[in-house]
Amino acid sequence: MTPPDAGRQPSPSPAAGPPPPLTVAASLTGLEGALLVLQGLTQVPGMHGEKLAMNVTTFLFFVVYGLFLLFAAWQLYRLHSWARAPVVLAQLIQILVGASFWGGGTTIVAVLSILLALIVLAGVFHPASLAALEPAD
């Protein structure tokens, strides 16, 4: 006689950590966040004169967005399911922004940003990731 749960794989325990696809997604999201913070920091040298207000708001946007993505990536890695929604939204935005770079000398930027976003989305929506982020009953 076989036990009633024979053939079923046990769900991963929270102590085991996130599954590899989710780890990749969280890591790449963290990389995106860090790059956004660096992009914001590039605005600091131009913070003077007529473009002060524009550079300050650009700086604040990129730094706050980047820091939030870093925080969401960390929380996703820690298996907090709320972090999935902002990470997915950020990837959808990145796909659209990447598409705007299509053509000419910036096509490589478009391809890389779209590919990066698709890898993150695949990692977040992988069945193992969904199971790990599923609330315990």
N, C-alpha and C. Protein backbone atom coordinates (compact mmCIF):
# COMPACT_ATOMS: atom_id res chain seq x y z
N MET A 1 0.85 -1.16 0.00
CA MET A 1 0.00 0.00 0.00
C MET A 1 0.90 1.24 0.00
N THR A 2 0.55 2.20 -0.83
CA THR A 2 1.35 3.42 -0.92
C THR A 2 0.73 4.52 -0.07
N PRO A 3 1.57 5.36 0.50
CA PRO A 3 1.04 6.48 1.28
C PRO A 3 0.22 7.42 0.41
N PRO A 4 -0.74 8.16 1.00
CA PRO A 4 -1.64 9.02 0.21
C PRO A 4 -0.90 10.13 -0.53
N ASP A 5 0.27 10.54 -0.06
CA ASP A 5 0.97 11.61 -0.75
C ASP A 5 2.09 11.10 -1.64
N ALA A 6 2.07 9.81 -1.98
CA ALA A 6 3.10 9.25 -2.84
C ALA A 6 3.03 9.90 -4.22
N GLY A 7 4.16 10.21 -4.75
CA GLY A 7 4.21 10.82 -6.08
C GLY A 7 4.16 12.33 -6.05
N ARG A 8 3.75 12.89 -4.94
CA ARG A 8 3.71 14.35 -4.82
C ARG A 8 5.04 14.82 -4.27
N GLN A 9 5.53 15.89 -4.84
CA GLN A 9 6.77 16.45 -4.32
C GLN A 9 6.41 17.41 -3.19
N PRO A 10 7.16 17.34 -2.10
CA PRO A 10 6.87 18.27 -1.01
C PRO A 10 7.21 19.69 -1.42
N SER A 11 6.42 20.63 -0.92
CA SER A 11 6.71 22.02 -1.23
C SER A 11 7.96 22.43 -0.46
N PRO A 12 8.76 23.32 -1.04
CA PRO A 12 10.00 23.70 -0.37
C PRO A 12 9.69 24.43 0.94
N SER A 13 10.48 24.13 1.93
CA SER A 13 10.29 24.81 3.21
C SER A 13 10.90 26.19 3.14
N PRO A 14 10.36 27.17 3.88
CA PRO A 14 10.91 28.51 3.85
C PRO A 14 12.38 28.54 4.27
N ALA A 15 12.80 27.59 5.12
CA ALA A 15 14.19 27.56 5.56
C ALA A 15 15.12 27.20 4.41
N ALA A 16 14.58 26.54 3.38
CA ALA A 16 15.41 26.12 2.25
C ALA A 16 15.81 27.31 1.38
N GLY A 17 15.14 28.41 1.51
CA GLY A 17 15.45 29.59 0.70
C GLY A 17 14.68 29.59 -0.60
N PRO A 18 14.89 30.64 -1.38
CA PRO A 18 14.14 30.76 -2.63
C PRO A 18 14.66 29.77 -3.68
N PRO A 19 13.78 29.36 -4.59
CA PRO A 19 14.23 28.47 -5.66
C PRO A 19 15.15 29.22 -6.62
N PRO A 20 15.98 28.52 -7.37
CA PRO A 20 16.94 29.17 -8.27
C PRO A 20 16.32 30.18 -9.26
N PRO A 21 15.17 29.89 -9.89
CA PRO A 21 14.62 30.90 -10.81
C PRO A 21 14.27 32.21 -10.11
N LEU A 22 13.78 32.11 -8.88
CA LEU A 22 13.44 33.31 -8.13
C LEU A 22 14.71 34.04 -7.67
N THR A 23 15.74 33.30 -7.36
CA THR A 23 17.02 33.91 -7.00
C THR A 23 17.59 34.70 -8.17
N VAL A 24 17.51 34.13 -9.36
CA VAL A 24 17.99 34.85 -10.55
C VAL A 24 17.16 36.10 -10.78
N ALA A 25 15.84 35.98 -10.66
CA ALA A 25 14.96 37.14 -10.86
C ALA A 25 15.25 38.23 -9.84
N ALA A 26 15.41 37.87 -8.59
CA ALA A 26 15.69 38.86 -7.55
C ALA A 26 17.07 39.49 -7.75
N SER A 27 18.03 38.69 -8.16
CA SER A 27 19.38 39.22 -8.39
C SER A 27 19.40 40.21 -9.55
N LEU A 28 18.74 39.86 -10.64
CA LEU A 28 18.71 40.76 -11.78
C LEU A 28 17.92 42.04 -11.47
N THR A 29 16.87 41.90 -10.68
CA THR A 29 16.11 43.09 -10.26
C THR A 29 16.98 43.98 -9.38
N GLY A 30 17.77 43.38 -8.51
CA GLY A 30 18.71 44.14 -7.71
C GLY A 30 19.74 44.86 -8.56
N LEU A 31 20.21 44.19 -9.61
CA LEU A 31 21.14 44.82 -10.54
C LEU A 31 20.49 46.01 -11.24
N GLU A 32 19.24 45.84 -11.65
CA GLU A 32 18.52 46.96 -12.26
C GLU A 32 18.40 48.13 -11.30
N GLY A 33 18.06 47.82 -10.05
CA GLY A 33 17.94 48.87 -9.04
C GLY A 33 19.25 49.60 -8.84
N ALA A 34 20.35 48.86 -8.76
CA ALA A 34 21.67 49.49 -8.57
C ALA A 34 22.03 50.37 -9.77
N LEU A 35 21.71 49.90 -10.97
CA LEU A 35 22.00 50.71 -12.17
C LEU A 35 21.16 51.98 -12.20
N LEU A 36 19.93 51.89 -11.73
CA LEU A 36 19.09 53.10 -11.67
C LEU A 36 19.64 54.11 -10.67
N VAL A 37 20.12 53.62 -9.53
CA VAL A 37 20.73 54.52 -8.55
C VAL A 37 21.96 55.18 -9.16
N LEU A 38 22.79 54.40 -9.84
CA LEU A 38 23.98 54.98 -10.50
C LEU A 38 23.58 56.00 -11.56
N GLN A 39 22.52 55.70 -12.31
CA GLN A 39 22.03 56.66 -13.31
C GLN A 39 21.61 57.95 -12.64
N GLY A 40 20.97 57.86 -11.50
CA GLY A 40 20.59 59.06 -10.76
C GLY A 40 21.79 59.85 -10.30
N LEU A 41 22.82 59.14 -9.86
CA LEU A 41 24.02 59.82 -9.38
C LEU A 41 24.76 60.56 -10.50
N THR A 42 24.55 60.13 -11.74
CA THR A 42 25.20 60.84 -12.84
C THR A 42 24.62 62.24 -13.03
N GLN A 43 23.49 62.52 -12.41
CA GLN A 43 22.87 63.84 -12.52
C GLN A 43 23.50 64.86 -11.58
N VAL A 44 24.25 64.39 -10.58
CA VAL A 44 24.80 65.29 -9.57
C VAL A 44 25.72 66.35 -10.16
N PRO A 45 26.64 66.02 -11.07
CA PRO A 45 27.52 67.07 -11.60
C PRO A 45 26.78 68.19 -12.34
N GLY A 46 25.62 67.92 -12.87
CA GLY A 46 24.88 68.93 -13.62
C GLY A 46 23.91 69.74 -12.78
N MET A 47 23.98 69.59 -11.47
CA MET A 47 23.03 70.28 -10.59
C MET A 47 23.47 71.71 -10.31
N HIS A 48 23.35 72.53 -11.33
CA HIS A 48 23.65 73.96 -11.17
C HIS A 48 23.02 74.72 -12.33
N GLY A 49 22.90 75.98 -12.15
CA GLY A 49 22.41 76.85 -13.23
C GLY A 49 20.96 76.63 -13.59
N GLU A 50 20.68 76.79 -14.87
CA GLU A 50 19.31 76.73 -15.38
C GLU A 50 18.66 75.35 -15.28
N LYS A 51 19.47 74.31 -15.31
CA LYS A 51 18.91 72.95 -15.29
C LYS A 51 18.90 72.33 -13.90
N LEU A 52 19.02 73.16 -12.87
CA LEU A 52 19.05 72.64 -11.51
C LEU A 52 17.79 71.86 -11.16
N ALA A 53 16.63 72.43 -11.38
CA ALA A 53 15.38 71.78 -11.02
C ALA A 53 15.19 70.47 -11.77
N MET A 54 15.49 70.46 -13.07
CA MET A 54 15.33 69.25 -13.86
C MET A 54 16.29 68.16 -13.39
N ASN A 55 17.55 68.52 -13.12
CA ASN A 55 18.51 67.53 -12.67
C ASN A 55 18.20 67.01 -11.27
N VAL A 56 17.69 67.85 -10.40
CA VAL A 56 17.34 67.39 -9.05
C VAL A 56 16.17 66.42 -9.12
N THR A 57 15.15 66.73 -9.89
CA THR A 57 14.01 65.82 -9.99
C THR A 57 14.40 64.52 -10.70
N THR A 58 15.26 64.60 -11.70
CA THR A 58 15.73 63.38 -12.37
C THR A 58 16.54 62.54 -11.39
N PHE A 59 17.41 63.19 -10.64
CA PHE A 59 18.20 62.51 -9.62
C PHE A 59 17.29 61.80 -8.62
N LEU A 60 16.31 62.52 -8.08
CA LEU A 60 15.41 61.94 -7.10
C LEU A 60 14.60 60.77 -7.67
N PHE A 61 14.11 60.92 -8.90
CA PHE A 61 13.34 59.85 -9.52
C PHE A 61 14.16 58.58 -9.62
N PHE A 62 15.34 58.67 -10.22
CA PHE A 62 16.15 57.47 -10.44
C PHE A 62 16.63 56.86 -9.12
N VAL A 63 17.01 57.68 -8.17
CA VAL A 63 17.50 57.14 -6.90
C VAL A 63 16.36 56.48 -6.11
N VAL A 64 15.21 57.13 -6.03
CA VAL A 64 14.09 56.54 -5.29
C VAL A 64 13.59 55.27 -5.98
N TYR A 65 13.45 55.31 -7.30
CA TYR A 65 13.01 54.13 -8.05
C TYR A 65 14.01 52.99 -7.90
N GLY A 66 15.29 53.30 -8.01
CA GLY A 66 16.33 52.29 -7.88
C GLY A 66 16.37 51.68 -6.49
N LEU A 67 16.28 52.52 -5.46
CA LEU A 67 16.29 52.02 -4.08
C LEU A 67 15.06 51.16 -3.80
N PHE A 68 13.90 51.56 -4.35
CA PHE A 68 12.70 50.74 -4.16
C PHE A 68 12.86 49.39 -4.86
N LEU A 69 13.45 49.39 -6.06
CA LEU A 69 13.66 48.10 -6.74
C LEU A 69 14.63 47.22 -5.97
N LEU A 70 15.67 47.83 -5.40
CA LEU A 70 16.60 47.06 -4.56
C LEU A 70 15.86 46.45 -3.36
N PHE A 71 15.02 47.25 -2.72
CA PHE A 71 14.25 46.76 -1.58
C PHE A 71 13.29 45.65 -2.01
N ALA A 72 12.61 45.84 -3.12
CA ALA A 72 11.66 44.82 -3.61
C ALA A 72 12.40 43.53 -3.98
N ALA A 73 13.58 43.66 -4.58
CA ALA A 73 14.37 42.47 -4.92
C ALA A 73 14.78 41.71 -3.67
N TRP A 74 15.18 42.44 -2.64
CA TRP A 74 15.57 41.82 -1.38
C TRP A 74 14.38 41.11 -0.75
N GLN A 75 13.22 41.76 -0.76
CA GLN A 75 12.02 41.15 -0.19
C GLN A 75 11.54 39.95 -1.01
N LEU A 76 11.71 40.03 -2.33
CA LEU A 76 11.36 38.90 -3.19
C LEU A 76 12.26 37.71 -2.85
N TYR A 77 13.54 37.97 -2.66
CA TYR A 77 14.48 36.92 -2.29
C TYR A 77 14.12 36.31 -0.94
N ARG A 78 13.57 37.13 -0.05
CA ARG A 78 13.16 36.66 1.27
C ARG A 78 11.75 36.04 1.24
N LEU A 79 11.21 35.84 0.05
CA LEU A 79 9.94 35.17 -0.19
C LEU A 79 8.73 35.94 0.33
N HIS A 80 8.77 37.26 0.25
CA HIS A 80 7.61 38.08 0.56
C HIS A 80 6.81 38.27 -0.73
N SER A 81 5.61 37.73 -0.75
CA SER A 81 4.85 37.71 -2.00
C SER A 81 4.45 39.10 -2.49
N TRP A 82 4.33 40.11 -1.60
CA TRP A 82 3.94 41.45 -2.04
C TRP A 82 4.95 42.02 -3.03
N ALA A 83 6.20 41.61 -2.96
CA ALA A 83 7.25 42.18 -3.80
C ALA A 83 7.13 41.75 -5.26
N ARG A 84 6.36 40.71 -5.51
CA ARG A 84 6.21 40.23 -6.88
C ARG A 84 5.56 41.28 -7.78
N ALA A 85 4.53 41.96 -7.31
CA ALA A 85 3.79 42.93 -8.14
C ALA A 85 4.67 44.11 -8.59
N PRO A 86 5.40 44.78 -7.70
CA PRO A 86 6.24 45.88 -8.19
C PRO A 86 7.36 45.42 -9.10
N VAL A 87 7.88 44.21 -8.86
CA VAL A 87 8.95 43.70 -9.73
C VAL A 87 8.39 43.43 -11.12
N VAL A 88 7.22 42.82 -11.19
CA VAL A 88 6.59 42.55 -12.50
C VAL A 88 6.28 43.87 -13.21
N LEU A 89 5.72 44.83 -12.50
CA LEU A 89 5.42 46.13 -13.11
C LEU A 89 6.69 46.80 -13.64
N ALA A 90 7.75 46.75 -12.87
CA ALA A 90 9.02 47.35 -13.31
C ALA A 90 9.53 46.68 -14.59
N GLN A 91 9.34 45.38 -14.70
CA GLN A 91 9.80 44.67 -15.90
C GLN A 91 8.95 45.03 -17.12
N LEU A 92 7.65 45.17 -16.91
CA LEU A 92 6.79 45.57 -18.02
C LEU A 92 7.14 46.98 -18.50
N ILE A 93 7.43 47.86 -17.56
CA ILE A 93 7.87 49.21 -17.94
C ILE A 93 9.19 49.14 -18.68
N GLN A 94 10.10 48.28 -18.20
CA GLN A 94 11.41 48.16 -18.85
C GLN A 94 11.27 47.63 -20.27
N ILE A 95 10.35 46.73 -20.50
CA ILE A 95 10.14 46.23 -21.87
C ILE A 95 9.69 47.37 -22.78
N LEU A 96 8.77 48.19 -22.30
CA LEU A 96 8.29 49.31 -23.11
C LEU A 96 9.37 50.36 -23.34
N VAL A 97 10.14 50.66 -22.31
CA VAL A 97 11.24 51.62 -22.45
C VAL A 97 12.28 51.04 -23.40
N GLY A 98 12.59 49.76 -23.24
CA GLY A 98 13.55 49.12 -24.13
C GLY A 98 13.10 49.17 -25.58
N ALA A 99 11.82 48.97 -25.82
CA ALA A 99 11.30 49.03 -27.19
C ALA A 99 11.48 50.42 -27.80
N SER A 100 11.47 51.44 -26.95
CA SER A 100 11.65 52.80 -27.47
C SER A 100 13.07 53.05 -27.95
N PHE A 101 14.01 52.21 -27.56
CA PHE A 101 15.40 52.34 -28.00
C PHE A 101 15.68 51.58 -29.29
N TRP A 102 14.66 50.90 -29.82
CA TRP A 102 14.86 50.07 -31.00
C TRP A 102 15.21 50.94 -32.21
N GLY A 103 16.23 50.55 -32.94
CA GLY A 103 16.63 51.24 -34.16
C GLY A 103 17.92 52.02 -34.01
N GLY A 104 18.73 51.99 -35.04
CA GLY A 104 19.97 52.74 -35.02
C GLY A 104 20.99 52.16 -34.07
N GLY A 105 21.79 53.04 -33.47
CA GLY A 105 22.87 52.61 -32.60
C GLY A 105 22.42 52.16 -31.23
N THR A 106 21.16 52.35 -30.89
CA THR A 106 20.69 51.97 -29.56
C THR A 106 19.93 50.64 -29.55
N THR A 107 19.93 49.93 -30.66
CA THR A 107 19.21 48.65 -30.73
C THR A 107 19.76 47.66 -29.71
N ILE A 108 21.06 47.68 -29.47
CA ILE A 108 21.64 46.75 -28.49
C ILE A 108 21.10 47.04 -27.09
N VAL A 109 20.87 48.31 -26.78
CA VAL A 109 20.28 48.67 -25.48
C VAL A 109 18.86 48.11 -25.41
N ALA A 110 18.13 48.21 -26.50
CA ALA A 110 16.76 47.68 -26.54
C ALA A 110 16.77 46.17 -26.32
N VAL A 111 17.61 45.48 -27.04
CA VAL A 111 17.66 44.02 -26.94
C VAL A 111 18.04 43.59 -25.53
N LEU A 112 19.07 44.21 -24.96
CA LEU A 112 19.53 43.83 -23.62
C LEU A 112 18.48 44.11 -22.55
N SER A 113 17.85 45.27 -22.62
CA SER A 113 16.86 45.60 -21.59
C SER A 113 15.61 44.73 -21.71
N ILE A 114 15.18 44.45 -22.92
CA ILE A 114 14.02 43.58 -23.10
C ILE A 114 14.35 42.15 -22.67
N LEU A 115 15.52 41.67 -23.04
CA LEU A 115 15.93 40.32 -22.66
C LEU A 115 16.05 40.19 -21.14
N LEU A 116 16.64 41.19 -20.50
CA LEU A 116 16.76 41.18 -19.04
C LEU A 116 15.39 41.13 -18.37
N ALA A 117 14.47 41.95 -18.86
CA ALA A 117 13.11 41.96 -18.29
C ALA A 117 12.41 40.63 -18.49
N LEU A 118 12.58 40.02 -19.66
CA LEU A 118 11.93 38.72 -19.91
C LEU A 118 12.51 37.63 -19.03
N ILE A 119 13.81 37.67 -18.76
CA ILE A 119 14.42 36.68 -17.86
C ILE A 119 13.86 36.84 -16.45
N VAL A 120 13.74 38.08 -16.00
CA VAL A 120 13.18 38.32 -14.66
C VAL A 120 11.73 37.83 -14.60
N LEU A 121 10.94 38.15 -15.61
CA LEU A 121 9.54 37.70 -15.62
C LEU A 121 9.45 36.17 -15.63
N ALA A 122 10.32 35.52 -16.40
CA ALA A 122 10.32 34.06 -16.42
C ALA A 122 10.67 33.49 -15.05
N GLY A 123 11.61 34.14 -14.37
CA GLY A 123 11.99 33.68 -13.03
C GLY A 123 10.89 33.88 -12.01
N VAL A 124 10.20 35.00 -12.10
CA VAL A 124 9.12 35.29 -11.15
C VAL A 124 7.92 34.36 -11.38
N PHE A 125 7.61 34.08 -12.65
CA PHE A 125 6.44 33.26 -12.95
C PHE A 125 6.75 31.77 -13.12
N HIS A 126 7.97 31.37 -12.83
CA HIS A 126 8.32 29.95 -12.87
C HIS A 126 7.48 29.22 -11.81
N PRO A 127 7.02 28.01 -12.10
CA PRO A 127 6.18 27.30 -11.13
C PRO A 127 6.83 27.15 -9.75
N ALA A 128 8.13 26.94 -9.69
CA ALA A 128 8.79 26.81 -8.39
C ALA A 128 8.75 28.14 -7.63
N SER A 129 8.88 29.24 -8.36
CA SER A 129 8.82 30.56 -7.72
C SER A 129 7.42 30.85 -7.21
N LEU A 130 6.43 30.53 -8.02
CA LEU A 130 5.05 30.75 -7.60
C LEU A 130 4.72 29.91 -6.36
N ALA A 131 5.22 28.68 -6.33
CA ALA A 131 4.97 27.81 -5.17
C ALA A 131 5.66 28.37 -3.93
N ALA A 132 6.86 28.88 -4.10
CA ALA A 132 7.61 29.42 -2.94
C ALA A 132 6.96 30.70 -2.40
N LEU A 133 6.33 31.47 -3.28
CA LEU A 133 5.71 32.71 -2.85
C LEU A 133 4.26 32.54 -2.41
N GLU A 134 3.73 31.35 -2.59
CA GLU A 134 2.35 31.07 -2.22
C GLU A 134 2.22 31.09 -0.71
N PRO A 135 1.19 31.78 -0.20
CA PRO A 135 1.02 31.81 1.25
C PRO A 135 0.69 30.42 1.80
N ALA A 136 1.20 30.16 2.98
CA ALA A 136 0.93 28.86 3.62
C ALA A 136 -0.52 28.82 4.09
N ASP A 137 -1.16 27.67 3.90
CA ASP A 137 -2.56 27.53 4.31
C ASP A 137 -2.68 27.14 5.75
